[in-house]
C-alpha atoms as a PDB file:
ATOM      1  CA  UNK A   1     284.864 -13.391 149.886  1.00  0.00           C
ATOM      2  CA  UNK A   2     284.562 -11.989 152.794  1.00  0.00           C
ATOM      3  CA  UNK A   3     283.169  -8.656 151.019  1.00  0.00           C
ATOM      4  CA  UNK A   4     279.901 -10.950 149.193  1.00  0.00           C
ATOM      5  CA  UNK A   5     279.417 -12.740 152.385  1.00  0.00           C
ATOM      6  CA  UNK A   6     278.645  -9.843 154.049  1.00  0.00           C
ATOM      7  CA  UNK A   7     276.270  -8.635 151.804  1.00  0.00           C
ATOM      8  CA  UNK A   8     274.274 -12.268 151.308  1.00  0.00           C
ATOM      9  CA  UNK A   9     274.031 -11.971 155.396  1.00  0.00           C
ATOM     10  CA  UNK A  10     272.704  -8.737 154.885  1.00  0.00           C
ATOM     11  CA  UNK A  11     270.477  -8.898 151.929  1.00  0.00           C
ATOM     12  CA  UNK A  12     269.303 -12.174 154.450  1.00  0.00           C
ATOM     13  CA  UNK A  13     268.411 -10.171 157.297  1.00  0.00           C
ATOM     14  CA  UNK A  14     266.454  -7.051 155.085  1.00  0.00           C
ATOM     15  CA  UNK A  15     263.984 -10.642 154.256  1.00  0.00           C
ATOM     16  CA  UNK A  16     263.344 -12.312 157.238  1.00  0.00           C
ATOM     17  CA  UNK A  17     262.759  -8.714 158.741  1.00  0.00           C
ATOM     18  CA  UNK A  18     260.148  -7.790 156.206  1.00  0.00           C
ATOM     19  CA  UNK A  19     259.013 -10.978 156.316  1.00  0.00           C
ATOM     20  CA  UNK A  20     258.727 -11.118 160.390  1.00  0.00           C
ATOM     21  CA  UNK A  21     257.241  -7.693 160.081  1.00  0.00           C
ATOM     22  CA  UNK A  22     254.899  -8.654 156.832  1.00  0.00           C
ATOM     23  CA  UNK A  23     253.424 -11.839 159.030  1.00  0.00           C
ATOM     24  CA  UNK A  24     253.008  -9.576 161.852  1.00  0.00           C
ATOM     25  CA  UNK A  25     251.211  -7.580 159.510  1.00  0.00           C
ATOM     26  CA  UNK A  26     248.856 -10.148 158.130  1.00  0.00           C
ATOM     27  CA  UNK A  27     247.853 -11.427 162.407  1.00  0.00           C
ATOM     28  CA  UNK A  28     246.939  -7.211 163.140  1.00  0.00           C
ATOM     29  CA  UNK A  29     244.074  -7.696 159.771  1.00  0.00           C
ATOM     30  CA  UNK A  30     243.567 -11.045 161.151  1.00  0.00           C
ATOM     31  CA  UNK A  31     242.778  -9.566 163.964  1.00  0.00           C
ATOM     32  CA  UNK A  32     240.715  -6.611 162.866  1.00  0.00           C
ATOM     33  CA  UNK A  33     238.454  -8.717 160.201  1.00  0.00           C
ATOM     34  CA  UNK A  34     237.558 -11.167 163.576  1.00  0.00           C
ATOM     35  CA  UNK A  35     236.372  -8.147 165.564  1.00  0.00           C
ATOM     36  CA  UNK A  36     234.728  -6.970 162.748  1.00  0.00           C
ATOM     37  CA  UNK A  37     232.950  -9.633 162.581  1.00  0.00           C
ATOM     38  CA  UNK A  38     231.567 -10.361 165.707  1.00  0.00           C
ATOM     39  CA  UNK A  39     230.903  -6.134 166.347  1.00  0.00           C
ATOM     40  CA  UNK A  40     228.581  -4.324 164.560  1.00  0.00           C
ATOM     41  CA  UNK A  41     231.222  -1.235 164.032  1.00  0.00           C
ATOM     42  CA  UNK A  42     232.075   1.492 161.618  1.00  0.00           C
ATOM     43  CA  UNK A  43     235.718   0.682 162.396  1.00  0.00           C
ATOM     44  CA  UNK A  44     238.192   0.544 159.067  1.00  0.00           C
ATOM     45  CA  UNK A  45     241.067  -2.003 158.928  1.00  0.00           C
ATOM     46  CA  UNK A  46     244.024  -0.328 158.986  1.00  0.00           C
ATOM     47  CA  UNK A  47     247.534  -1.606 157.645  1.00  0.00           C
ATOM     48  CA  UNK A  48     251.105   0.141 158.881  1.00  0.00           C
ATOM     49  CA  UNK A  49     252.979  -1.434 155.675  1.00  0.00           C
ATOM     50  CA  UNK A  50     252.183   0.190 152.407  1.00  0.00           C
ATOM     51  CA  UNK A  51     253.755  -1.991 150.192  1.00  0.00           C
ATOM     52  CA  UNK A  52     253.426  -5.868 149.026  1.00  0.00           C
ATOM     53  CA  UNK A  53     250.359  -5.659 148.164  1.00  0.00           C
ATOM     54  CA  UNK A  54     248.710  -5.471 152.125  1.00  0.00           C
ATOM     55  CA  UNK A  55     247.781  -1.216 151.128  1.00  0.00           C
ATOM     56  CA  UNK A  56     245.487  -2.369 148.265  1.00  0.00           C
ATOM     57  CA  UNK A  57     244.661  -6.150 150.528  1.00  0.00           C
ATOM     58  CA  UNK A  58     242.570  -3.218 153.064  1.00  0.00           C
ATOM     59  CA  UNK A  59     241.001  -1.197 150.315  1.00  0.00           C
ATOM     60  CA  UNK A  60     239.482  -3.992 148.887  1.00  0.00           C
ATOM     61  CA  UNK A  61     238.518  -5.173 152.445  1.00  0.00           C
ATOM     62  CA  UNK A  62     236.792  -2.109 153.625  1.00  0.00           C
ATOM     63  CA  UNK A  63     234.639  -1.864 150.254  1.00  0.00           C
ATOM     64  CA  UNK A  64     233.332  -5.173 150.990  1.00  0.00           C
ATOM     65  CA  UNK A  65     232.610  -4.827 154.587  1.00  0.00           C
ATOM     66  CA  UNK A  66     231.288  -0.835 153.521  1.00  0.00           C
ATOM     67  CA  UNK A  67     228.706  -3.184 150.729  1.00  0.00           C
ATOM     68  CA  UNK A  68     227.972  -5.244 154.013  1.00  0.00           C
ATOM     69  CA  UNK A  69     226.782  -2.107 156.005  1.00  0.00           C
ATOM     70  CA  UNK A  70     224.907  -0.995 154.028  1.00  0.00           C
ATOM     71  CA  UNK A  71     222.906  -4.077 152.636  1.00  0.00           C
ATOM     72  CA  UNK A  72     222.147  -5.182 156.691  1.00  0.00           C
ATOM     73  CA  UNK A  73     221.472  -0.872 156.723  1.00  0.00           C
ATOM     74  CA  UNK A  74     218.605  -1.895 153.726  1.00  0.00           C
ATOM     75  CA  UNK A  75     217.578  -4.742 155.157  1.00  0.00           C
ATOM     76  CA  UNK A  76     216.772  -3.107 158.197  1.00  0.00           C
ATOM     77  CA  UNK A  77     214.952  -0.693 156.831  1.00  0.00           C
ATOM     78  CA  UNK A  78     212.470  -2.765 154.703  1.00  0.00           C
ATOM     79  CA  UNK A  79     211.770  -4.763 157.934  1.00  0.00           C
ATOM     80  CA  UNK A  80     210.919  -2.002 159.518  1.00  0.00           C
ATOM     81  CA  UNK A  81     208.795  -0.589 156.432  1.00  0.00           C
ATOM     82  CA  UNK A  82     206.812  -4.030 156.637  1.00  0.00           C
ATOM     83  CA  UNK A  83     206.431  -4.187 159.917  1.00  0.00           C
ATOM     84  CA  UNK A  84     205.424  -0.613 160.031  1.00  0.00           C
ATOM     85  CA  UNK A  85     203.045  -1.266 156.821  1.00  0.00           C
ATOM     86  CA  UNK A  86     201.542  -4.025 158.915  1.00  0.00           C
ATOM     87  CA  UNK A  87     201.089  -2.601 161.309  1.00  0.00           C
ATOM     88  CA  UNK A  88     199.252   0.588 160.056  1.00  0.00           C
ATOM     89  CA  UNK A  89     197.145  -1.742 157.758  1.00  0.00           C
ATOM     90  CA  UNK A  90     195.987  -4.024 161.114  1.00  0.00           C
ATOM     91  CA  UNK A  91     194.589  -0.283 162.253  1.00  0.00           C
ATOM     92  CA  UNK A  92     192.860   0.409 159.445  1.00  0.00           C
ATOM     93  CA  UNK A  93     191.207  -2.837 158.689  1.00  0.00           C
ATOM     94  CA  UNK A  94     190.200  -3.393 162.320  1.00  0.00           C
ATOM     95  CA  UNK A  95     186.962  -0.432 162.249  1.00  0.00           C
ATOM     96  CA  UNK A  96     184.933  -1.725 158.566  1.00  0.00           C
ATOM     97  CA  UNK A  97     185.581  -5.692 160.733  1.00  0.00           C
ATOM     98  CA  UNK A  98     184.206  -3.095 163.622  1.00  0.00           C
ATOM     99  CA  UNK A  99     181.349  -2.286 161.517  1.00  0.00           C
ATOM    100  CA  UNK A 100     180.952  -5.872 159.700  1.00  0.00           C
ATOM    101  CA  UNK A 101     180.224  -6.860 163.019  1.00  0.00           C
ATOM    102  CA  UNK A 102     177.720  -4.446 164.764  1.00  0.00           C
ATOM    103  CA  UNK A 103     175.701  -4.247 161.317  1.00  0.00           C
ATOM    104  CA  UNK A 104     175.372  -8.203 161.588  1.00  0.00           C
ATOM    105  CA  UNK A 105     174.076  -8.258 165.325  1.00  0.00           C
ATOM    106  CA  UNK A 106     171.590  -4.999 163.938  1.00  0.00           C
ATOM    107  CA  UNK A 107     170.482  -7.431 161.454  1.00  0.00           C
ATOM    108  CA  UNK A 108     168.960 -10.131 163.794  1.00  0.00           C
ATOM    109  CA  UNK A 109     166.314  -7.681 165.542  1.00  0.00           C
ATOM    110  CA  UNK A 110     166.092  -5.050 161.890  1.00  0.00           C
ATOM    111  CA  UNK A 111     163.332  -5.758 159.601  1.00  0.00           C
ATOM    112  CA  UNK A 112     162.815  -7.251 156.197  1.00  0.00           C
ATOM    113  CA  UNK A 113     163.617  -3.631 154.767  1.00  0.00           C
ATOM    114  CA  UNK A 114     166.586  -3.038 157.498  1.00  0.00           C
ATOM    115  CA  UNK A 115     168.558  -5.899 156.130  1.00  0.00           C
ATOM    116  CA  UNK A 116     168.137  -5.745 153.352  1.00  0.00           C
ATOM    117  CA  UNK A 117     169.734  -1.936 153.717  1.00  0.00           C
ATOM    118  CA  UNK A 118     172.562  -3.566 156.558  1.00  0.00           C
ATOM    119  CA  UNK A 119     173.175  -6.519 153.917  1.00  0.00           C
ATOM    120  CA  UNK A 120     174.103  -3.293 151.018  1.00  0.00           C
ATOM    121  CA  UNK A 121     176.303  -2.210 153.760  1.00  0.00           C
ATOM    122  CA  UNK A 122     177.971  -4.832 154.933  1.00  0.00           C
ATOM    123  CA  UNK A 123     179.054  -5.641 151.042  1.00  0.00           C
ATOM    124  CA  UNK A 124     180.278  -2.701 150.782  1.00  0.00           C
ATOM    125  CA  UNK A 125     182.445  -2.882 153.668  1.00  0.00           C
ATOM    126  CA  UNK A 126     184.397  -6.293 153.083  1.00  0.00           C
ATOM    127  CA  UNK A 127     184.611  -4.860 149.138  1.00  0.00           C
ATOM    128  CA  UNK A 128     186.597  -2.471 151.293  1.00  0.00           C
ATOM    129  CA  UNK A 129     188.677  -4.859 152.559  1.00  0.00           C
ATOM    130  CA  UNK A 130     189.892  -7.120 149.759  1.00  0.00           C
ATOM    131  CA  UNK A 131     190.828  -3.633 148.302  1.00  0.00           C
ATOM    132  CA  UNK A 132     193.016  -2.731 151.062  1.00  0.00           C
ATOM    133  CA  UNK A 133     194.424  -6.507 151.310  1.00  0.00           C
ATOM    134  CA  UNK A 134     195.245  -6.194 147.383  1.00  0.00           C
ATOM    135  CA  UNK A 135     196.918  -2.393 147.992  1.00  0.00           C
ATOM    136  CA  UNK A 136     198.796  -4.290 151.228  1.00  0.00           C
ATOM    137  CA  UNK A 137     199.930  -7.617 148.423  1.00  0.00           C
ATOM    138  CA  UNK A 138     200.736  -5.101 145.727  1.00  0.00           C
ATOM    139  CA  UNK A 139     202.831  -3.100 147.774  1.00  0.00           C
ATOM    140  CA  UNK A 140     204.641  -5.584 149.116  1.00  0.00           C
ATOM    141  CA  UNK A 141     205.324  -7.567 146.337  1.00  0.00           C
ATOM    142  CA  UNK A 142     206.865  -3.441 144.655  1.00  0.00           C
ATOM    143  CA  UNK A 143     209.134  -3.251 147.565  1.00  0.00           C
ATOM    144  CA  UNK A 144     210.343  -7.060 147.101  1.00  0.00           C
ATOM    145  CA  UNK A 145     213.970  -6.397 145.131  1.00  0.00           C
ATOM    146  CA  UNK A 146     213.750  -9.913 143.171  1.00  0.00           C
ATOM    147  CA  UNK A 147     209.709  -8.757 142.021  1.00  0.00           C
ATOM    148  CA  UNK A 148     210.326  -7.975 138.336  1.00  0.00           C
ATOM    149  CA  UNK A 149     208.399  -6.159 136.254  1.00  0.00           C
ATOM    150  CA  UNK A 150     207.328  -7.726 132.602  1.00  0.00           C
ATOM    151  CA  UNK A 151     208.187  -4.537 130.176  1.00  0.00           C
ATOM    152  CA  UNK A 152     207.262  -4.541 126.735  1.00  0.00           C
ATOM    153  CA  UNK A 153     206.124  -2.209 123.783  1.00  0.00           C
ATOM    154  CA  UNK A 154     202.856  -0.519 124.952  1.00  0.00           C
ATOM    155  CA  UNK A 155     200.212   1.863 123.574  1.00  0.00           C
ATOM    156  CA  UNK A 156     199.194   4.224 125.951  1.00  0.00           C
ATOM    157  CA  UNK A 157     196.354   5.995 124.115  1.00  0.00           C
ATOM    158  CA  UNK A 158     194.904   1.495 124.451  1.00  0.00           C
ATOM    159  CA  UNK A 159     195.786   1.464 127.783  1.00  0.00           C
ATOM    160  CA  UNK A 160     194.268   5.268 128.850  1.00  0.00           C
ATOM    161  CA  UNK A 161     191.062   5.090 127.195  1.00  0.00           C
ATOM    162  CA  UNK A 162     189.525   1.746 128.236  1.00  0.00           C
ATOM    163  CA  UNK A 163     191.063   2.794 132.316  1.00  0.00           C
ATOM    164  CA  UNK A 164     188.240   6.163 131.676  1.00  0.00           C
ATOM    165  CA  UNK A 165     185.839   3.829 129.614  1.00  0.00           C
ATOM    166  CA  UNK A 166     185.807   1.451 133.025  1.00  0.00           C
ATOM    167  CA  UNK A 167     184.794   4.801 135.233  1.00  0.00           C
ATOM    168  CA  UNK A 168     181.966   6.159 132.942  1.00  0.00           C
ATOM    169  CA  UNK A 169     179.056   4.594 135.729  1.00  0.00           C
ATOM    170  CA  UNK A 170     180.769   5.986 138.434  1.00  0.00           C
ATOM    171  CA  UNK A 171     180.833   9.374 136.892  1.00  0.00           C
ATOM    172  CA  UNK A 172     178.047   9.284 135.186  1.00  0.00           C
ATOM    173  CA  UNK A 173     176.068   8.116 139.412  1.00  0.00           C
ATOM    174  CA  UNK A 174     177.809  11.288 140.886  1.00  0.00           C
ATOM    175  CA  UNK A 175     177.391  13.412 137.876  1.00  0.00           C
ATOM    176  CA  UNK A 176     180.538  13.954 136.522  1.00  0.00           C
ATOM    177  CA  UNK A 177     181.573  14.431 133.282  1.00  0.00           C
ATOM    178  CA  UNK A 178     185.396  14.199 132.655  1.00  0.00           C
ATOM    179  CA  UNK A 179     187.672  16.807 130.492  1.00  0.00           C
ATOM    180  CA  UNK A 180     189.705  14.350 128.215  1.00  0.00           C
ATOM    181  CA  UNK A 181     192.027  15.470 125.850  1.00  0.00           C
ATOM    182  CA  UNK A 182     193.777  12.405 123.753  1.00  0.00           C
ATOM    183  CA  UNK A 183     195.656  12.983 120.714  1.00  0.00           C
ATOM    184  CA  UNK A 184     195.241  11.048 117.053  1.00  0.00           C
ATOM    185  CA  UNK A 185     198.332   9.989 116.717  1.00  0.00           C
ATOM    186  CA  UNK A 186     199.285   7.105 118.847  1.00  0.00           C
ATOM    187  CA  UNK A 187     201.966   6.540 121.609  1.00  0.00           C
ATOM    188  CA  UNK A 188     203.960   4.683 122.976  1.00  0.00           C
ATOM    189  CA  UNK A 189     205.965   3.459 125.746  1.00  0.00           C
ATOM    190  CA  UNK A 190     207.882   0.672 127.311  1.00  0.00           C
ATOM    191  CA  UNK A 191     205.486  -0.321 130.192  1.00  0.00           C
ATOM    192  CA  UNK A 192     204.058  -3.377 131.567  1.00  0.00           C
ATOM    193  CA  UNK A 193     199.983  -2.978 130.446  1.00  0.00           C
ATOM    194  CA  UNK A 194     198.653  -4.152 134.241  1.00  0.00           C
ATOM    195  CA  UNK A 195     201.039  -2.032 135.407  1.00  0.00           C
ATOM    196  CA  UNK A 196     199.682   1.300 133.740  1.00  0.00           C
ATOM    197  CA  UNK A 197     196.382   0.270 134.115  1.00  0.00           C
ATOM    198  CA  UNK A 198     196.461   0.153 138.407  1.00  0.00           C
ATOM    199  CA  UNK A 199     198.992   3.048 138.495  1.00  0.00           C
ATOM    200  CA  UNK A 200     195.333   4.677 136.219  1.00  0.00           C
ATOM    201  CA  UNK A 201     193.140   3.320 138.281  1.00  0.00           C
ATOM    202  CA  UNK A 202     194.942   4.361 141.588  1.00  0.00           C
ATOM    203  CA  UNK A 203     195.543   8.016 140.542  1.00  0.00           C
ATOM    204  CA  UNK A 204     191.153   8.137 139.087  1.00  0.00           C
ATOM    205  CA  UNK A 205     190.427   6.685 142.484  1.00  0.00           C
ATOM    206  CA  UNK A 206     192.279   9.058 144.288  1.00  0.00           C
ATOM    207  CA  UNK A 207     190.893  12.114 142.938  1.00  0.00           C
ATOM    208  CA  UNK A 208     187.529  10.507 143.419  1.00  0.00           C
ATOM    209  CA  UNK A 209     188.102  10.000 146.580  1.00  0.00           C
ATOM    210  CA  UNK A 210     189.435  13.632 147.653  1.00  0.00           C
ATOM    211  CA  UNK A 211     188.329  15.609 145.209  1.00  0.00           C
ATOM    212  CA  UNK A 212     184.889  17.372 144.035  1.00  0.00           C
ATOM    213  CA  UNK A 213     182.923  16.466 141.049  1.00  0.00           C
ATOM    214  CA  UNK A 214     185.798  17.819 138.717  1.00  0.00           C
ATOM    215  CA  UNK A 215     188.415  15.633 136.408  1.00  0.00           C
ATOM    216  CA  UNK A 216     190.703  16.075 133.941  1.00  0.00           C
ATOM    217  CA  UNK A 217     192.904  14.367 131.837  1.00  0.00           C
ATOM    218  CA  UNK A 218     195.318  15.161 129.561  1.00  0.00           C
ATOM    219  CA  UNK A 219     198.182  13.074 127.251  1.00  0.00           C
ATOM    220  CA  UNK A 220     200.032  14.050 124.759  1.00  0.00           C
ATOM    221  CA  UNK A 221     203.806  14.152 123.258  1.00  0.00           C
ATOM    222  CA  UNK A 222     206.221  16.680 124.209  1.00  0.00           C
ATOM    223  CA  UNK A 223     210.281  16.794 123.952  1.00  0.00           C
ATOM    224  CA  UNK A 224     210.654  13.184 123.299  1.00  0.00           C
ATOM    225  CA  UNK A 225     208.354  11.660 126.312  1.00  0.00           C
ATOM    226  CA  UNK A 226     204.571  10.878 126.863  1.00  0.00           C
ATOM    227  CA  UNK A 227     203.303  12.874 129.301  1.00  0.00           C
ATOM    228  CA  UNK A 228     200.501  12.083 131.297  1.00  0.00           C
ATOM    229  CA  UNK A 229     198.068  14.579 133.658  1.00  0.00           C
ATOM    230  CA  UNK A 230     195.768  14.376 135.723  1.00  0.00           C
ATOM    231  CA  UNK A 231     193.445  17.119 137.837  1.00  0.00           C
ATOM    232  CA  UNK A 232     190.614  16.782 140.158  1.00  0.00           C
ATOM    233  CA  UNK A 233     189.407  20.176 142.131  1.00  0.00           C
ATOM    234  CA  UNK A 234     189.699  20.388 146.309  1.00  0.00           C
ATOM    235  CA  UNK A 235     187.502  21.436 148.079  1.00  0.00           C
ATOM    236  CA  UNK A 236     190.510  21.952 150.559  1.00  0.00           C
ATOM    237  CA  UNK A 237     193.993  21.982 149.002  1.00  0.00           C
ATOM    238  CA  UNK A 238     195.336  24.068 152.243  1.00  0.00           C
ATOM    239  CA  UNK A 239     195.340  20.569 153.772  1.00  0.00           C
ATOM    240  CA  UNK A 240     197.451  18.689 151.579  1.00  0.00           C
ATOM    241  CA  UNK A 241     201.369  17.885 152.119  1.00  0.00           C
ATOM    242  CA  UNK A 242     201.782  17.856 148.453  1.00  0.00           C
ATOM    243  CA  UNK A 243     205.523  16.574 149.367  1.00  0.00           C
ATOM    244  CA  UNK A 244     204.190  14.024 151.028  1.00  0.00           C
ATOM    245  CA  UNK A 245     201.282  12.152 148.306  1.00  0.00           C
ATOM    246  CA  UNK A 246     203.993   9.551 147.831  1.00  0.00           C
ATOM    247  CA  UNK A 247     204.876   8.140 151.086  1.00  0.00           C
ATOM    248  CA  UNK A 248     202.727   5.476 152.348  1.00  0.00           C
ATOM    249  CA  UNK A 249     199.736   6.182 154.861  1.00  0.00           C
ATOM    250  CA  UNK A 250     199.573   9.374 154.056  1.00  0.00           C
ATOM    251  CA  UNK A 251     195.696  10.225 153.980  1.00  0.00           C
ATOM    252  CA  UNK A 252     194.618  14.148 153.628  1.00  0.00           C
ATOM    253  CA  UNK A 253     192.495  15.383 156.767  1.00  0.00           C
ATOM    254  CA  UNK A 254     189.395  15.014 154.320  1.00  0.00           C
ATOM    255  CA  UNK A 255     190.014  11.412 153.350  1.00  0.00           C
ATOM    256  CA  UNK A 256     190.495  10.093 156.937  1.00  0.00           C
ATOM    257  CA  UNK A 257     186.902   8.386 157.611  1.00  0.00           C
ATOM    258  CA  UNK A 258     187.367   7.222 154.573  1.00  0.00           C
ATOM    259  CA  UNK A 259     188.230   3.004 154.423  1.00  0.00           C
ATOM    260  CA  UNK A 260     191.719   4.019 151.993  1.00  0.00           C
ATOM    261  CA  UNK A 261     194.712   2.046 152.641  1.00  0.00           C
ATOM    262  CA  UNK A 262     196.304   5.026 151.782  1.00  0.00           C
ATOM    263  CA  UNK A 263     198.797   3.266 150.090  1.00  0.00           C
ATOM    264  CA  UNK A 264     197.405   4.110 146.814  1.00  0.00           C
ATOM    265  CA  UNK A 265     199.486   6.502 145.202  1.00  0.00           C
ATOM    266  CA  UNK A 266     202.455   5.084 146.696  1.00  0.00           C
ATOM    267  CA  UNK A 267     201.927   1.954 144.473  1.00  0.00           C
ATOM    268  CA  UNK A 268     201.330   4.363 141.539  1.00  0.00           C
ATOM    269  CA  UNK A 269     204.844   5.498 142.114  1.00  0.00           C
ATOM    270  CA  UNK A 270     206.368   1.994 142.190  1.00  0.00           C
ATOM    271  CA  UNK A 271     205.020   1.364 138.747  1.00  0.00           C
ATOM    272  CA  UNK A 272     206.071   4.499 137.137  1.00  0.00           C
ATOM    273  CA  UNK A 273     209.946   4.581 138.333  1.00  0.00           C
ATOM    274  CA  UNK A 274     209.673   0.542 137.570  1.00  0.00           C
ATOM    275  CA  UNK A 275     208.985   1.211 134.010  1.00  0.00           C
ATOM    276  CA  UNK A 276     211.260   4.294 133.601  1.00  0.00           C
ATOM    277  CA  UNK A 277     209.155   7.164 134.130  1.00  0.00           C
ATOM    278  CA  UNK A 278     208.564  10.178 136.458  1.00  0.00           C
ATOM    279  CA  UNK A 279     205.700  10.924 138.409  1.00  0.00           C
ATOM    280  CA  UNK A 280     205.644  13.758 140.659  1.00  0.00           C
ATOM    281  CA  UNK A 281     201.960  15.891 142.398  1.00  0.00           C
ATOM    282  CA  UNK A 282     201.519  19.356 142.289  1.00  0.00           C
ATOM    283  CA  UNK A 283     198.745  22.292 143.591  1.00  0.00           C
ATOM    284  CA  UNK A 284     197.606  24.906 141.099  1.00  0.00           C
ATOM    285  CA  UNK A 285     194.603  27.356 142.761  1.00  0.00           C
ATOM    286  CA  UNK A 286     192.166  24.639 143.638  1.00  0.00           C
ATOM    287  CA  UNK A 287     193.312  21.782 141.187  1.00  0.00           C
ATOM    288  CA  UNK A 288     195.688  18.785 142.532  1.00  0.00           C
ATOM    289  CA  UNK A 289     197.771  17.398 139.483  1.00  0.00           C
ATOM    290  CA  UNK A 290     199.489  14.034 138.716  1.00  0.00           C
ATOM    291  CA  UNK A 291     201.554  14.853 135.897  1.00  0.00           C
ATOM    292  CA  UNK A 292     203.291  11.568 134.659  1.00  0.00           C
ATOM    293  CA  UNK A 293     205.820  11.612 132.551  1.00  0.00           C
ATOM    294  CA  UNK A 294     207.654   7.656 130.342  1.00  0.00           C
ATOM    295  CA  UNK A 295     210.217   8.356 127.521  1.00  0.00           C
ATOM    296  CA  UNK A 296     208.636   7.947 124.101  1.00  0.00           C
ATOM    297  CA  UNK A 297     209.691   4.641 122.194  1.00  0.00           C
ATOM    298  CA  UNK A 298     209.054   4.365 118.489  1.00  0.00           C
ATOM    299  CA  UNK A 299     207.510   0.657 117.141  1.00  0.00           C
END
């Protein structure tokens, strides 16, 4: 009888020991949690006990805090990006606004012929401002995680032809004869028609703003992918940092005097990525190429 009583007392003592140890471990974890909730720290939660599910609990808590830190960092980076966007664009907008004020003052004492010329310049400045604001709106919308780009089967031949046709007046006015190579076969991708059109417009406009009067457009199929290459000749290709052309606000030296937001290729890149495509730029001799590819879609 005494033997069994001794065994029972031993078991009770062991259980009491572990209960006290578990209680202290829980209090220690609570203390660590309270500290992490109040302080921006990279500290991780630790536990002396590896039994009773504590090891798994600590692992899950650390993963949770790691996810929280990552989300906070992404939020800060996005907040800073938006602040930088508005700051940079405000500088770009100030120039045409200042010139508008100057032209309005000149009109007060100008002749009828001069007023007509100034009104044309003013209209161009207003269009430039509208374009900058539209680029800003589109860029911030694409950077918003809640924005969803609806995808559907698109015939890229048709969209490309319509977009190219819309530039013929501009090209004719500058004496440009673009070299266009399109396949007879209809090529399809999973995309967004408005997004594809905007992407093409931004790439073409970038070429017209930065290059000489020579443009090439090539559309073809290779290895289950649809490839779209757009090229323009450059006057000073050495002044372009091809590794930065898709960064927001990047402007080659030759375009700094133009009324440009510097967001065109960044927006094009965002559209391509949202349509599961790839985009990159390269320079070959005096030619600047933007090369886009999409997975082929069988209609």
